[in-house]
Amino acid sequence: MFSRPDFLNTLSGSNKNAPRRFDEVREAEQASETVDRGSGQVPVAGIVGTVGRYRDFDGKFRARNRGGEARFQKILAAMQSGVQLPPVSLYQIKDDFFILDGHHRVAAARELGRDIISARIVELLPAKQTLENQLYLEKINFRDQAGLLKSINLTELDQYHHLELQIREHQAWLSEQDNTDTTYQQAASDWYQTIYQPLVTIIGASKLAAAFPGRSDDDLYLYISTHQWNDSRSRQYGIGIDKLIPRDMEAFRKKMAEIKKNEYPDMKQEITFFILLNVDGRQERKIIDRLMQLEPVRELHSVHGAIDIIVKVMLQRELISSDAELISQFTHGNVRTLKGVLSTQTLIPGLSRFKEVPYCLPGK
């Protein structure tokens, strides 16, 4: 009846793949102050340990005895048939959850591939003085004061006040527009849905964070929004972002309300520049062949005079990047290292105009 190899191993008293011990984590984090978080949906993957019963269950919260296994099978069958079971009881320390009551329900949820489970949650706040804990406390303090259901994850200390400033400004705008006293939490809810989520969705879809190791989409939201809406200094690069994100926060809110999520624009734009090359004539043909293999190279012309080769290049860049930096990286990495290249000069068009030439058939 009980044929699972891991179940048979647990009967021998093995602690292999045991759940994490709540008391050890609580001691390590010096977590004692409690906050009742009430009821909510918890990610099953975030439930990592147990409160005091680490010898009774394995790492998947399957019982280490035959009676417990029978109980698990009964709960599994109930969940499969759609029976509504009571929420489990959990302790939370930062992003990890520990089972106080409901081990079999959690095990069944895992077995069925459920992503979330209903739970009653009591959080213990970490008191150990670490950068990670300071960031965590700032994060949940901002979230709780704003009354948000989800956290915003920043990776630097003392930055959440910038988001609070945005909410306060939005609160004043809503109060004026509606001629009512909008509360901070009401403004935060509207800000989250109509301003924060649209911009962070654009950032995520554009995969900007890949260019900034260690930073989150929320970090980039803060950087972009602060420079757009709270910093009035003029910029020498990245000006194209103004077409996508107006310099006024409420103007951005209005713009995003008029389009659907699947129509959100991409935070990239094309830049065109020219590279003028002087080359060793003996290597010219090889240089031309190598350059034409580069996807961003759109045109190449061998000319007579002070310049030997003219190359037209088109690159895509994030709107918050510098043209000069991207052009320099391309030129140094792909052109100046070629054997036979004596010198290069890059030109960025200022004003460009194009004339459409009508196509004429021969003899017409």
Protein backbone atom coordinates (compact mmCIF):
# COMPACT_ATOMS: atom_id res chain seq x y z
CA MET A 1 0.00 0.00 0.00
CA PHE A 2 2.76 2.43 0.97
CA SER A 3 5.18 2.00 -1.89
CA ARG A 4 6.80 5.46 -2.00
CA PRO A 5 10.56 5.07 -1.46
CA ASP A 6 10.78 8.38 0.40
CA PHE A 7 7.96 7.27 2.70
CA LEU A 8 9.80 4.06 3.56
CA ASN A 9 12.94 6.06 4.24
CA THR A 10 11.12 8.31 6.68
CA LEU A 11 10.00 5.31 8.70
CA SER A 12 13.64 4.60 9.47
CA GLY A 13 13.96 8.03 11.12
CA SER A 14 15.96 9.73 8.35
CA ASN A 15 15.83 13.55 8.40
CA LYS A 16 16.85 13.86 4.76
CA ASN A 17 15.03 16.72 3.02
CA ALA A 18 13.44 17.81 6.28
CA PRO A 19 11.45 21.07 6.35
CA ARG A 20 13.16 24.16 7.71
CA ARG A 21 12.83 24.72 11.43
CA PHE A 22 10.90 27.82 12.41
CA ASP A 23 12.70 28.25 15.73
CA GLU A 24 16.12 28.28 14.08
CA VAL A 25 15.09 30.92 11.52
CA ARG A 26 13.38 33.03 14.18
CA GLU A 27 16.52 32.97 16.34
CA ALA A 28 18.80 33.77 13.39
CA GLU A 29 16.63 36.74 12.39
CA GLN A 30 16.00 37.81 16.00
CA ALA A 31 12.32 37.93 15.09
CA SER A 32 9.96 38.47 18.02
CA GLU A 33 7.58 41.37 17.27
CA THR A 34 4.41 39.96 15.73
CA VAL A 35 1.89 41.44 13.31
CA ASP A 36 -1.44 39.74 12.59
CA ARG A 37 -1.78 39.77 8.81
CA GLY A 38 -5.24 38.19 8.84
CA SER A 39 -6.34 35.88 6.04
CA GLY A 40 -5.03 35.83 2.49
CA GLN A 41 -3.63 33.81 -0.38
CA VAL A 42 -0.08 32.54 0.07
CA PRO A 43 2.21 31.07 -2.62
CA VAL A 44 2.63 27.36 -1.91
CA ALA A 45 6.27 27.58 -3.00
CA GLY A 46 6.89 30.10 -0.21
CA ILE A 47 5.95 27.60 2.52
CA VAL A 48 9.33 26.20 3.48
CA GLY A 49 9.12 24.94 7.06
CA THR A 50 7.16 23.92 10.09
CA VAL A 51 6.62 25.14 13.63
CA GLY A 52 7.88 22.43 16.00
CA ARG A 53 6.99 19.37 13.88
CA TYR A 54 10.04 19.03 11.65
CA ARG A 55 10.48 15.36 12.73
CA ASP A 56 6.91 14.45 11.71
CA PHE A 57 7.10 15.55 8.06
CA ASP A 58 9.51 15.42 5.14
CA GLY A 59 10.54 18.32 2.91
CA LYS A 60 7.28 18.04 0.94
CA PHE A 61 5.27 18.01 4.20
CA ARG A 62 4.31 14.37 3.70
CA ALA A 63 3.81 12.52 6.99
CA ARG A 64 6.55 10.20 8.27
CA ASN A 65 4.05 7.66 9.63
CA ARG A 66 1.27 5.49 8.20
CA GLY A 67 -1.52 7.26 10.05
CA GLY A 68 -0.42 10.61 8.71
CA GLU A 69 -0.23 9.21 5.18
CA ALA A 70 -3.82 8.01 5.42
CA ARG A 71 -4.87 11.48 6.60
CA PHE A 72 -3.03 13.02 3.65
CA GLN A 73 -4.81 10.77 1.14
CA LYS A 74 -8.20 11.72 2.60
CA ILE A 75 -7.45 15.45 2.33
CA LEU A 76 -6.02 15.00 -1.16
CA ALA A 77 -9.23 13.33 -2.32
CA ALA A 78 -11.32 16.10 -0.75
CA MET A 79 -9.33 18.82 -2.48
CA GLN A 80 -9.55 16.98 -5.80
CA SER A 81 -13.33 16.86 -5.51
CA GLY A 82 -13.53 20.58 -4.79
CA VAL A 83 -14.34 20.48 -1.06
CA GLN A 84 -13.63 23.86 0.57
CA LEU A 85 -11.20 23.23 3.45
CA PRO A 86 -10.34 25.65 6.26
CA PRO A 87 -7.34 27.92 5.70
CA VAL A 88 -3.98 26.75 7.03
CA SER A 89 -2.26 28.66 9.83
CA LEU A 90 1.18 30.06 9.08
CA TYR A 91 3.95 32.06 10.68
CA GLN A 92 5.82 34.38 8.32
CA ILE A 93 9.43 35.58 8.57
CA LYS A 94 10.21 37.88 5.64
CA ASP A 95 9.27 35.98 2.47
CA ASP A 96 9.22 32.52 4.09
CA PHE A 97 6.20 30.79 5.67
CA PHE A 98 6.13 28.08 8.35
CA ILE A 99 3.18 25.78 9.05
CA LEU A 100 1.57 25.98 12.45
CA ASP A 101 -1.49 23.98 11.39
CA GLY A 102 -2.33 22.40 8.04
CA HIS A 103 0.65 20.27 6.98
CA HIS A 104 -1.52 17.76 5.10
CA ARG A 105 -3.40 20.53 3.28
CA VAL A 106 -0.12 22.10 2.15
CA ALA A 107 1.22 18.69 1.04
CA ALA A 108 -1.98 18.05 -0.93
CA ALA A 109 -1.79 21.48 -2.56
CA ARG A 110 1.78 20.72 -3.63
CA GLU A 111 0.75 17.30 -4.93
CA LEU A 112 -2.02 18.88 -7.03
CA GLY A 113 0.27 21.58 -8.40
CA ARG A 114 -1.63 24.43 -6.74
CA ASP A 115 0.16 27.79 -6.82
CA ILE A 116 -1.63 29.38 -3.86
CA ILE A 117 -3.40 28.31 -0.69
CA SER A 118 -5.70 30.14 1.73
CA ALA A 119 -4.02 30.92 5.03
CA ARG A 120 -4.22 32.82 8.29
CA ILE A 121 -0.90 34.59 8.76
CA VAL A 122 1.01 35.96 11.73
CA GLU A 123 4.23 37.71 10.73
CA LEU A 124 7.32 37.99 12.94
CA LEU A 125 9.41 41.02 12.03
CA PRO A 126 13.20 40.52 11.74
CA ALA A 127 15.22 42.62 14.17
CA LYS A 128 18.76 41.58 13.25
CA GLN A 129 20.64 44.57 11.87
CA THR A 130 21.39 43.64 8.27
CA LEU A 131 20.96 45.51 5.00
CA GLU A 132 18.51 42.88 3.80
CA ASN A 133 16.35 43.28 6.91
CA GLN A 134 16.42 47.07 6.72
CA LEU A 135 15.25 46.93 3.11
CA TYR A 136 12.55 44.44 4.02
CA LEU A 137 11.21 46.59 6.86
CA GLU A 138 11.18 49.68 4.67
CA LYS A 139 9.31 47.71 2.01
CA ILE A 140 6.55 46.43 4.26
CA ASN A 141 6.22 49.73 6.13
CA PHE A 142 5.59 51.52 2.84
CA ARG A 143 3.20 48.79 1.68
CA ASP A 144 1.22 48.77 4.94
CA GLN A 145 0.95 52.55 5.24
CA ALA A 146 -0.23 52.75 1.63
CA GLY A 147 -2.65 49.86 2.16
CA LEU A 148 -1.30 48.00 -0.87
CA LEU A 149 -1.80 44.26 -1.27
CA LYS A 150 1.52 43.71 -3.01
CA SER A 151 5.00 44.94 -2.17
CA ILE A 152 7.24 47.12 -4.32
CA ASN A 153 10.82 45.85 -4.21
CA LEU A 154 13.59 48.46 -4.17
CA THR A 155 17.23 47.51 -3.63
CA GLU A 156 18.53 50.71 -2.00
CA LEU A 157 17.78 52.12 1.44
CA ASP A 158 15.78 55.30 2.04
CA GLN A 159 14.14 55.37 -1.39
CA TYR A 160 10.49 54.64 -0.60
CA HIS A 161 9.91 58.26 0.35
CA HIS A 162 10.09 59.11 -3.37
CA LEU A 163 7.10 56.82 -3.97
CA GLU A 164 5.29 58.31 -1.00
CA LEU A 165 5.84 61.78 -2.51
CA GLN A 166 4.24 60.62 -5.77
CA ILE A 167 1.23 59.30 -3.86
CA ARG A 168 0.90 62.55 -1.88
CA GLU A 169 0.97 64.57 -5.09
CA HIS A 170 -1.58 62.24 -6.66
CA GLN A 171 -3.73 62.53 -3.53
CA ALA A 172 -3.81 66.31 -3.89
CA TRP A 173 -4.63 66.03 -7.60
CA LEU A 174 -7.50 63.58 -6.98
CA SER A 175 -8.93 65.75 -4.20
CA GLU A 176 -8.91 68.77 -6.51
CA GLN A 177 -10.38 66.88 -9.45
CA ASP A 178 -13.17 65.22 -7.46
CA ASN A 179 -13.63 68.09 -5.00
CA THR A 180 -13.45 65.56 -2.14
CA ASP A 181 -11.03 64.67 0.62
CA THR A 182 -9.19 61.69 -0.88
CA THR A 183 -7.37 59.64 1.75
CA TYR A 184 -3.74 58.62 1.37
CA GLN A 185 -4.67 54.96 0.98
CA GLN A 186 -7.34 55.75 -1.63
CA ALA A 187 -4.78 57.76 -3.57
CA ALA A 188 -2.21 54.96 -3.19
CA SER A 189 -4.63 52.41 -4.62
CA ASP A 190 -5.39 54.60 -7.63
CA TRP A 191 -1.69 55.48 -8.10
CA TYR A 192 -0.76 51.79 -8.03
CA GLN A 193 -3.32 50.84 -10.68
CA THR A 194 -3.15 53.83 -13.03
CA ILE A 195 0.45 55.06 -12.76
CA TYR A 196 2.79 52.50 -11.18
CA GLN A 197 1.46 49.36 -12.88
CA PRO A 198 1.37 50.76 -16.44
CA LEU A 199 4.95 52.07 -16.24
CA VAL A 200 6.41 49.00 -14.53
CA THR A 201 4.62 46.81 -17.10
CA ILE A 202 6.29 48.74 -19.93
CA ILE A 203 9.66 48.40 -18.17
CA GLY A 204 9.21 44.66 -17.65
CA ALA A 205 8.09 44.02 -21.23
CA SER A 206 11.11 45.93 -22.54
CA LYS A 207 13.47 43.83 -20.35
CA LEU A 208 15.37 46.94 -19.26
CA ALA A 209 16.53 45.32 -16.02
CA ALA A 210 18.76 42.93 -17.98
CA ALA A 211 21.06 45.88 -18.66
CA PHE A 212 21.28 46.71 -14.93
CA PRO A 213 22.48 43.63 -12.99
CA GLY A 214 21.18 43.50 -9.44
CA ARG A 215 18.39 45.96 -10.11
CA SER A 216 14.68 45.25 -10.25
CA ASP A 217 11.93 46.57 -12.51
CA ASP A 218 10.78 48.56 -9.47
CA ASP A 219 14.24 50.18 -9.19
CA LEU A 220 13.94 51.28 -12.80
CA TYR A 221 10.40 52.54 -12.19
CA LEU A 222 11.77 54.72 -9.37
CA TYR A 223 14.70 55.97 -11.46
CA ILE A 224 12.62 56.79 -14.54
CA SER A 225 9.63 58.27 -12.73
CA THR A 226 11.79 60.39 -10.40
CA HIS A 227 13.76 61.85 -13.29
CA GLN A 228 10.59 62.42 -15.31
CA TRP A 229 8.28 63.80 -12.66
CA ASN A 230 10.37 65.02 -9.71
CA ASP A 231 13.57 66.23 -11.36
CA SER A 232 13.21 69.22 -13.66
CA ARG A 233 16.83 69.25 -14.83
CA SER A 234 17.34 69.13 -18.58
CA ARG A 235 18.97 66.04 -20.07
CA GLN A 236 21.57 65.69 -22.77
CA TYR A 237 20.49 62.17 -23.72
CA GLY A 238 17.45 59.93 -23.45
CA ILE A 239 15.23 62.78 -24.61
CA GLY A 240 13.15 60.32 -26.65
CA ILE A 241 11.65 59.06 -23.41
CA ASP A 242 9.61 62.27 -23.18
CA LYS A 243 7.52 61.12 -26.15
CA LEU A 244 6.68 57.90 -24.31
CA ILE A 245 6.43 59.21 -20.76
CA PRO A 246 5.25 62.83 -20.40
CA ARG A 247 7.11 65.02 -17.91
CA ASP A 248 3.90 65.32 -15.89
CA MET A 249 2.71 62.30 -13.88
CA GLU A 250 -0.98 62.98 -14.35
CA ALA A 251 -0.48 63.44 -18.08
CA PHE A 252 1.09 59.97 -18.14
CA ARG A 253 -1.89 58.61 -16.18
CA LYS A 254 -4.30 60.07 -18.72
CA LYS A 255 -2.27 58.77 -21.65
CA MET A 256 -2.15 55.19 -20.32
CA ALA A 257 -5.88 55.22 -19.52
CA GLU A 258 -6.58 55.75 -23.21
CA ILE A 259 -4.77 52.61 -24.42
CA LYS A 260 -5.07 48.91 -23.70
CA LYS A 261 -2.39 46.94 -21.89
CA ASN A 262 -1.48 44.98 -25.01
CA GLU A 263 -0.94 48.29 -26.81
CA TYR A 264 1.62 49.65 -24.32
CA PRO A 265 4.65 51.03 -26.21
CA ASP A 266 8.16 49.58 -26.11
CA MET A 267 10.84 51.55 -24.27
CA LYS A 268 13.29 51.34 -27.14
CA GLN A 269 14.10 53.50 -30.11
CA GLU A 270 16.37 53.28 -33.11
CA ILE A 271 19.45 55.44 -33.50
CA THR A 272 21.21 55.95 -36.82
CA PHE A 273 24.82 57.01 -37.18
CA PHE A 274 27.65 56.90 -39.70
CA ILE A 275 31.22 55.68 -39.31
CA LEU A 276 33.92 57.12 -41.55
CA LEU A 277 36.94 54.83 -41.92
CA ASN A 278 40.49 55.19 -43.14
CA VAL A 279 41.89 51.75 -43.87
CA ASP A 280 44.95 49.98 -45.22
CA GLY A 281 44.12 49.44 -48.90
CA ARG A 282 45.46 45.88 -48.77
CA GLN A 283 42.83 44.98 -46.14
CA GLU A 284 39.91 46.98 -47.55
CA ARG A 285 38.04 44.04 -49.12
CA LYS A 286 38.30 41.93 -45.95
CA ILE A 287 37.16 44.86 -43.79
CA ILE A 288 34.13 45.41 -46.02
CA ASP A 289 33.22 41.71 -45.86
CA ARG A 290 33.52 41.65 -42.05
CA LEU A 291 31.44 44.79 -41.60
CA MET A 292 28.68 43.53 -43.87
CA GLN A 293 28.30 40.49 -41.60
CA LEU A 294 27.21 42.77 -38.71
CA GLU A 295 23.40 42.94 -38.47
CA PRO A 296 23.26 46.66 -37.44
CA VAL A 297 25.25 47.67 -40.57
CA ARG A 298 22.63 48.74 -43.11
CA GLU A 299 24.73 50.38 -45.82
CA LEU A 300 28.42 50.47 -46.76
CA HIS A 301 30.12 52.59 -49.41
CA SER A 302 33.71 52.51 -50.59
CA VAL A 303 34.63 56.04 -51.68
CA HIS A 304 37.62 57.93 -53.07
CA GLY A 305 39.10 60.87 -51.24
CA ALA A 306 40.09 61.62 -47.65
CA ILE A 307 37.79 58.82 -46.41
CA ASP A 308 37.96 55.24 -47.65
CA ILE A 309 34.70 53.70 -46.34
CA ILE A 310 31.39 55.12 -45.12
CA VAL A 311 29.21 52.82 -42.98
CA LYS A 312 25.59 53.43 -42.01
CA VAL A 313 24.62 51.73 -38.72
CA MET A 314 21.23 51.42 -37.01
CA LEU A 315 21.05 50.29 -33.36
CA GLN A 316 18.23 49.90 -30.87
CA ARG A 317 18.70 51.37 -27.43
CA GLU A 318 16.69 51.73 -24.26
CA LEU A 319 15.27 55.21 -23.86
CA ILE A 320 17.22 55.77 -20.65
CA SER A 321 20.56 54.92 -22.25
CA SER A 322 23.06 57.29 -23.83
CA ASP A 323 23.50 57.40 -27.61
CA ALA A 324 27.17 58.21 -27.19
CA GLU A 325 27.84 55.24 -24.91
CA LEU A 326 26.11 52.74 -27.18
CA ILE A 327 27.81 54.09 -30.32
CA SER A 328 31.19 54.00 -28.60
CA GLN A 329 30.70 50.39 -27.52
CA PHE A 330 29.72 49.31 -31.03
CA THR A 331 32.56 51.17 -32.73
CA HIS A 332 35.26 49.98 -30.33
CA GLY A 333 34.03 46.40 -30.19
CA ASN A 334 33.24 45.81 -33.87
CA VAL A 335 35.13 48.27 -36.04
CA ARG A 336 38.33 49.64 -34.51
CA THR A 337 39.59 46.15 -33.65
CA LEU A 338 39.52 45.02 -37.30
CA LYS A 339 42.94 44.48 -38.84
CA GLY A 340 43.74 47.24 -41.29
CA VAL A 341 41.51 49.96 -39.77
CA LEU A 342 43.72 53.03 -39.36
CA SER A 343 41.22 55.54 -37.95
CA THR A 344 37.48 56.07 -37.48
CA GLN A 345 35.14 58.99 -37.05
CA THR A 346 31.48 58.72 -36.03
CA LEU A 347 28.76 61.12 -37.11
CA ILE A 348 25.26 61.36 -35.60
CA PRO A 349 22.70 63.07 -37.85
CA GLY A 350 21.06 66.12 -36.37
CA LEU A 351 18.25 66.90 -38.80
CA SER A 352 17.37 64.29 -41.41
CA ARG A 353 15.01 64.67 -44.35
CA PHE A 354 14.01 62.09 -46.90
CA LYS A 355 12.55 62.60 -50.38
CA GLU A 356 10.32 60.01 -51.91
CA VAL A 357 11.34 59.39 -55.50
CA PRO A 358 8.47 58.14 -57.70
CA TYR A 359 9.17 54.83 -59.38
CA CYS A 360 9.19 55.13 -63.18
CA LEU A 361 8.95 52.24 -65.56
CA PRO A 362 11.51 52.13 -68.38
CA GLY A 363 10.34 54.09 -71.40
CA LYS A 364 7.79 56.11 -69.45
